[in-house]
Amino acid sequence: KIHPATKTFQAIRIFVNNELEEIEVLLASSAQILQKNGILACVSFHELEDRLVKNFFEENSEKKVKMNKYSHEIQVQSQKPFEIITKKPIEPSDAEVRASPRSRSAKLRVGMKV
């Protein structure tokens, strides 16, 4: 169980440290910093961080669409700098959470610069 004060102190910490804006700056600059085939792995510990990372990868990755339901060809809509490696976030196993309870809320999302 999470103590009720935990979320309050987490919100204060996020605000004081300007964490969400710092994540946005990091994600925006990652396209220039990473070389081709470079991996961007982001671990988030709460929903606000995870949503920023998820939206960044979705907005900056290729959209693959089937031409029709009978075709196996895939059409790429535009040139974007990233390819999403993890379609869904990787979460810790029960054994990992038992070994490190703080990992219970961790989510890993990975993208590769193309």
Foldseek 3Di string as FASTA:
>chain_A
DDDPCPVVVVVVVCVVVVVLVVLVVCLVCCLVVDDAFGKDKDKDQDDSSVVSVVVSQVVQAWDWDAPDPVDPDTDTDDHGFKHWPDPFWDADDPVVCVVPVSRRRITMTMITTD
